[in-house]
């Protein structure tokens, strides 16, 4: 293909190799046959449906992770005194109670856990030292919880904004407005923000886990010291169950938001 340039008002446009490449790609795309155009349209239709599906799944995951799925599971093991009078062994303990709660019920969960920790501290008789440590740790835990609960509404707001922009874009397409770059660009910005918020939520969730683990560890140490000093079987132990479902759902939501961004960028690619 030869490119002719004409002098217009003393200005001669220069065609570099990169600009020639872009022009040739554009012309080859415009001059492509109906089969290639049909393939392009079907690919964009597929991306449209997948983007909407990912948006719906993303908002469902956001709601489920905050309202339904427990973020912490704390187990209380008590000793079988009749079987553990001579030796201390893991089989001498049985699961007495499991406490779990979703993020929005975190404070209620702490209230249900407080009597159990209080009974352990009463047994420990640590002259108030362990009480002060636990109280300070719970205050720090409340601060980390506040950070987590602040980020979640921002995440949910981004999910709603993405859905609204997608609906607006589809309505415009029904009204024969073929250019939907602006709504798509807005969706991509919201998804970038959502991805950042979910990464921050995962970090705050890790802080919550470490805080609760340190509190339970201090209580277990105090109970063990008292039991060893009295030459008794350790009457109770607290255990923080490793994060499973909630952490997996959080990472899934983060992955889906990144996948949604890549599909939008693919949809906006003009070639």
Protein backbone atom coordinates (compact mmCIF):
# COMPACT_ATOMS: atom_id res chain seq x y z
CA UNK A 1 0.00 0.00 0.00
CA UNK A 2 1.43 3.39 -0.97
CA UNK A 3 0.76 6.48 1.06
CA UNK A 4 0.60 9.89 -0.68
CA UNK A 5 1.04 13.12 1.20
CA UNK A 6 -0.01 16.53 0.03
CA UNK A 7 1.25 19.87 1.19
CA UNK A 8 -1.54 21.75 2.93
CA UNK A 9 -0.84 25.36 3.85
CA UNK A 10 2.90 24.78 3.92
CA UNK A 11 2.53 21.78 6.25
CA UNK A 12 3.58 18.35 5.06
CA UNK A 13 2.41 15.53 7.37
CA UNK A 14 5.03 12.88 8.05
CA UNK A 15 4.06 9.22 8.23
CA UNK A 16 6.34 7.29 10.53
CA UNK A 17 6.63 3.54 10.50
CA UNK A 18 4.46 3.16 13.61
CA UNK A 19 1.72 5.39 12.18
CA UNK A 20 1.80 3.44 8.92
CA UNK A 21 1.41 0.25 10.90
CA UNK A 22 -1.61 1.63 12.75
CA UNK A 23 -3.21 2.85 9.52
CA UNK A 24 -2.64 -0.49 7.81
CA UNK A 25 -4.19 -2.35 10.75
CA UNK A 26 -7.19 -0.02 10.73
CA UNK A 27 -7.72 -0.34 6.97
CA UNK A 28 -7.29 -4.10 7.04
CA UNK A 29 -9.86 -4.27 9.85
CA UNK A 30 -12.32 -2.07 7.99
CA UNK A 31 -11.80 -3.99 4.75
CA UNK A 32 -12.17 -7.37 6.41
CA UNK A 33 -14.90 -9.66 5.24
CA UNK A 34 -18.26 -10.36 6.85
CA UNK A 35 -16.92 -13.51 8.50
CA UNK A 36 -14.30 -11.55 10.42
CA UNK A 37 -16.84 -8.90 11.42
CA UNK A 38 -19.25 -11.60 12.57
CA UNK A 39 -16.49 -13.15 14.66
CA UNK A 40 -15.69 -9.75 16.19
CA UNK A 41 -19.34 -9.04 17.01
CA UNK A 42 -19.83 -12.49 18.54
CA UNK A 43 -16.69 -12.02 20.64
CA UNK A 44 -17.92 -8.65 21.92
CA UNK A 45 -21.34 -10.14 22.67
CA UNK A 46 -19.64 -12.90 24.65
CA UNK A 47 -17.61 -10.32 26.58
CA UNK A 48 -20.76 -8.31 27.32
CA UNK A 49 -22.49 -11.32 28.86
CA UNK A 50 -19.42 -12.36 30.83
CA UNK A 51 -18.94 -8.83 32.19
CA UNK A 52 -22.52 -8.73 33.43
CA UNK A 53 -22.19 -12.22 34.94
CA UNK A 54 -18.98 -11.29 36.74
CA UNK A 55 -20.57 -8.11 38.08
CA UNK A 56 -23.49 -10.08 39.52
CA UNK A 57 -21.23 -12.73 41.05
CA UNK A 58 -19.01 -10.00 42.49
CA UNK A 59 -21.83 -8.25 44.34
CA UNK A 60 -23.15 -11.60 45.63
CA UNK A 61 -19.70 -12.45 46.97
CA UNK A 62 -19.43 -9.01 48.58
CA UNK A 63 -22.74 -9.47 50.41
CA UNK A 64 -22.08 -13.09 51.39
CA UNK A 65 -18.61 -12.35 52.77
CA UNK A 66 -19.95 -9.63 55.06
CA UNK A 67 -23.41 -10.88 56.02
CA UNK A 68 -23.42 -14.67 55.86
CA UNK A 69 -20.00 -16.35 55.94
CA UNK A 70 -18.31 -16.50 59.38
CA UNK A 71 -14.99 -14.70 59.42
CA UNK A 72 -13.81 -16.27 62.71
CA UNK A 73 -14.37 -19.66 64.32
CA UNK A 74 -13.11 -20.01 67.89
CA UNK A 75 -13.17 -23.44 69.51
CA UNK A 76 -13.13 -24.16 73.23
CA UNK A 77 -11.67 -27.50 74.30
CA UNK A 78 -12.22 -28.77 77.84
CA UNK A 79 -10.40 -31.60 79.60
CA UNK A 80 -11.92 -34.98 80.33
CA UNK A 81 -10.85 -34.95 83.94
CA UNK A 82 -11.70 -38.58 84.53
CA UNK A 83 -9.36 -39.67 81.71
CA UNK A 84 -6.55 -37.16 82.15
CA UNK A 85 -5.53 -37.37 85.78
CA UNK A 86 -2.06 -38.76 85.12
CA UNK A 87 -0.92 -37.55 81.70
CA UNK A 88 -1.48 -34.54 79.49
CA UNK A 89 -2.40 -35.63 75.99
CA UNK A 90 -4.35 -34.14 73.11
CA UNK A 91 -6.86 -37.00 73.24
CA UNK A 92 -7.74 -35.95 76.76
CA UNK A 93 -9.64 -32.92 75.46
CA UNK A 94 -12.99 -32.67 73.77
CA UNK A 95 -14.59 -29.90 71.77
CA UNK A 96 -16.94 -28.15 74.14
CA UNK A 97 -18.12 -25.16 72.13
CA UNK A 98 -17.56 -23.40 68.82
CA UNK A 99 -18.25 -19.70 68.41
CA UNK A 100 -18.44 -18.15 64.96
CA UNK A 101 -19.87 -14.98 63.51
CA UNK A 102 -19.91 -13.01 60.25
CA UNK A 103 -18.23 -9.59 60.07
CA UNK A 104 -21.37 -7.51 60.68
CA UNK A 105 -21.99 -9.41 63.97
CA UNK A 106 -18.41 -9.11 65.17
CA UNK A 107 -19.20 -7.14 68.33
CA UNK A 108 -21.99 -9.56 69.26
CA UNK A 109 -19.54 -12.41 68.78
CA UNK A 110 -17.06 -10.76 71.12
CA UNK A 111 -19.80 -10.41 73.73
CA UNK A 112 -20.52 -14.15 73.52
CA UNK A 113 -16.78 -14.90 73.78
CA UNK A 114 -16.15 -12.61 76.76
CA UNK A 115 -17.76 -14.90 79.42
CA UNK A 116 -15.62 -17.83 78.29
CA UNK A 117 -12.43 -15.77 78.42
CA UNK A 118 -13.56 -14.36 81.78
CA UNK A 119 -13.94 -17.84 83.27
CA UNK A 120 -10.47 -18.75 82.02
CA UNK A 121 -9.00 -15.60 83.58
CA UNK A 122 -10.74 -16.33 86.87
CA UNK A 123 -9.06 -19.72 86.93
CA UNK A 124 -5.69 -18.22 85.98
CA UNK A 125 -5.63 -15.86 89.02
CA UNK A 126 -2.87 -13.77 87.47
CA UNK A 127 -3.19 -10.77 89.83
CA UNK A 128 -4.68 -8.60 87.09
CA UNK A 129 -1.67 -8.68 84.76
CA UNK A 130 -3.26 -10.91 82.16
CA UNK A 131 -6.53 -8.98 82.51
CA UNK A 132 -4.78 -5.76 81.50
CA UNK A 133 -3.05 -7.46 78.56
CA UNK A 134 -6.31 -8.93 77.28
CA UNK A 135 -8.18 -5.64 77.69
CA UNK A 136 -5.54 -3.76 75.69
CA UNK A 137 -5.57 -6.45 73.02
CA UNK A 138 -9.37 -6.27 72.74
CA UNK A 139 -9.18 -2.48 72.32
CA UNK A 140 -6.72 -2.95 69.47
CA UNK A 141 -9.01 -5.59 68.01
CA UNK A 142 -11.92 -3.16 68.02
CA UNK A 143 -9.81 -0.60 66.14
CA UNK A 144 -8.91 -3.16 63.47
CA UNK A 145 -12.55 -4.16 63.23
CA UNK A 146 -13.50 -0.52 62.65
CA UNK A 147 -10.98 -0.34 59.80
CA UNK A 148 -12.46 -3.45 58.20
CA UNK A 149 -16.04 -2.23 58.56
CA UNK A 150 -15.14 1.11 56.96
CA UNK A 151 -13.71 -0.47 53.82
CA UNK A 152 -16.62 -2.85 53.18
CA UNK A 153 -19.24 -0.13 52.36
CA UNK A 154 -16.80 1.33 49.82
CA UNK A 155 -16.44 -2.08 48.22
CA UNK A 156 -20.21 -2.54 48.09
CA UNK A 157 -20.71 0.97 46.68
CA UNK A 158 -18.28 0.18 43.85
CA UNK A 159 -20.24 -3.01 43.09
CA UNK A 160 -23.49 -1.05 42.87
CA UNK A 161 -21.88 1.64 40.70
CA UNK A 162 -20.54 -0.96 38.27
CA UNK A 163 -23.98 -2.58 37.94
CA UNK A 164 -25.64 0.81 37.34
CA UNK A 165 -23.09 1.79 34.69
CA UNK A 166 -23.54 -1.54 32.96
CA UNK A 167 -27.33 -1.12 32.91
CA UNK A 168 -26.98 2.43 31.54
CA UNK A 169 -24.64 1.18 28.84
CA UNK A 170 -27.08 -1.55 27.80
CA UNK A 171 -29.99 0.90 27.69
CA UNK A 172 -27.96 3.18 25.45
CA UNK A 173 -27.20 0.25 23.15
CA UNK A 174 -30.92 -0.52 22.90
CA UNK A 175 -31.45 3.12 21.91
CA UNK A 176 -28.88 2.66 19.11
CA UNK A 177 -26.07 4.55 20.86
CA UNK A 178 -23.22 2.40 19.60
CA UNK A 179 -20.40 4.27 21.33
CA UNK A 180 -20.21 3.00 24.91
CA UNK A 181 -16.61 3.87 25.74
CA UNK A 182 -17.54 6.33 28.50
CA UNK A 183 -19.64 3.87 30.58
CA UNK A 184 -17.05 1.17 30.04
CA UNK A 185 -14.27 3.49 31.17
CA UNK A 186 -16.29 4.39 34.27
CA UNK A 187 -16.83 0.69 34.99
CA UNK A 188 -13.11 0.03 34.71
CA UNK A 189 -12.35 2.85 37.17
CA UNK A 190 -14.88 1.47 39.65
CA UNK A 191 -13.41 -2.00 39.26
CA UNK A 192 -9.89 -0.71 39.87
CA UNK A 193 -11.16 0.92 43.07
CA UNK A 194 -13.01 -2.26 44.04
CA UNK A 195 -9.88 -4.35 43.54
CA UNK A 196 -7.89 -2.00 45.75
CA UNK A 197 -10.60 -2.07 48.44
CA UNK A 198 -10.69 -5.86 48.44
CA UNK A 199 -6.93 -6.07 48.76
CA UNK A 200 -7.14 -3.70 51.74
CA UNK A 201 -9.97 -5.79 53.25
CA UNK A 202 -7.82 -8.91 52.98
CA UNK A 203 -5.00 -7.12 54.79
CA UNK A 204 -7.35 -5.95 57.56
CA UNK A 205 -8.77 -9.47 57.83
CA UNK A 206 -5.25 -10.78 58.37
CA UNK A 207 -4.77 -8.18 61.14
CA UNK A 208 -7.98 -9.36 62.81
CA UNK A 209 -6.81 -12.97 62.72
CA UNK A 210 -3.44 -12.14 64.24
CA UNK A 211 -5.05 -10.02 66.98
CA UNK A 212 -7.53 -12.72 67.99
CA UNK A 213 -4.80 -15.36 67.87
CA UNK A 214 -2.57 -13.31 70.20
CA UNK A 215 -5.44 -12.83 72.69
CA UNK A 216 -6.23 -16.54 72.79
CA UNK A 217 -2.54 -17.38 73.09
CA UNK A 218 -2.13 -15.12 76.14
CA UNK A 219 -5.20 -16.65 77.80
CA UNK A 220 -3.99 -20.19 77.12
CA UNK A 221 -0.55 -19.38 78.56
CA UNK A 222 -2.09 -17.95 81.75
CA UNK A 223 -4.33 -21.00 82.22
CA UNK A 224 -1.42 -23.35 81.60
CA UNK A 225 0.82 -21.56 84.13
CA UNK A 226 -1.86 -21.86 86.80
CA UNK A 227 -2.49 -25.54 86.01
CA UNK A 228 1.22 -26.36 86.12
CA UNK A 229 1.69 -24.51 89.41
CA UNK A 230 -1.23 -26.42 90.93
CA UNK A 231 -0.11 -29.71 89.30
CA UNK A 232 -3.47 -30.08 87.63
CA UNK A 233 -4.68 -30.95 84.18
CA UNK A 234 -5.10 -27.90 81.98
CA UNK A 235 -8.88 -27.44 82.23
CA UNK A 236 -9.49 -25.58 78.96
CA UNK A 237 -7.84 -24.42 75.77
CA UNK A 238 -8.93 -21.92 73.13
CA UNK A 239 -8.17 -22.57 69.49
CA UNK A 240 -8.62 -20.29 66.49
CA UNK A 241 -9.66 -22.38 63.50
CA UNK A 242 -7.60 -21.59 60.38
CA UNK A 243 -9.42 -19.34 57.90
CA UNK A 244 -10.99 -21.40 55.16
CA UNK A 245 -14.26 -20.39 53.52
CA UNK A 246 -14.16 -16.67 54.30
CA UNK A 247 -10.57 -16.28 53.13
CA UNK A 248 -11.26 -18.32 49.99
CA UNK A 249 -14.32 -16.21 49.17
CA UNK A 250 -12.36 -13.00 49.75
CA UNK A 251 -9.61 -14.11 47.38
CA UNK A 252 -12.21 -15.24 44.84
CA UNK A 253 -13.82 -11.80 44.88
CA UNK A 254 -10.41 -10.17 44.37
CA UNK A 255 -9.64 -12.49 41.45
CA UNK A 256 -13.02 -11.90 39.79
CA UNK A 257 -12.63 -8.13 39.96
CA UNK A 258 -9.25 -8.39 38.20
CA UNK A 259 -10.75 -10.73 35.60
CA UNK A 260 -13.61 -8.28 35.05
CA UNK A 261 -11.10 -5.49 34.37
CA UNK A 262 -9.27 -7.58 31.76
CA UNK A 263 -12.54 -8.38 29.97
CA UNK A 264 -13.54 -4.71 29.87
CA UNK A 265 -10.15 -3.76 28.44
CA UNK A 266 -10.54 -6.50 25.84
CA UNK A 267 -14.02 -5.21 24.99
CA UNK A 268 -12.73 -1.64 24.57
CA UNK A 269 -9.92 -2.74 22.24
CA UNK A 270 -10.89 -1.29 18.82
CA UNK A 271 -9.00 -3.93 16.84
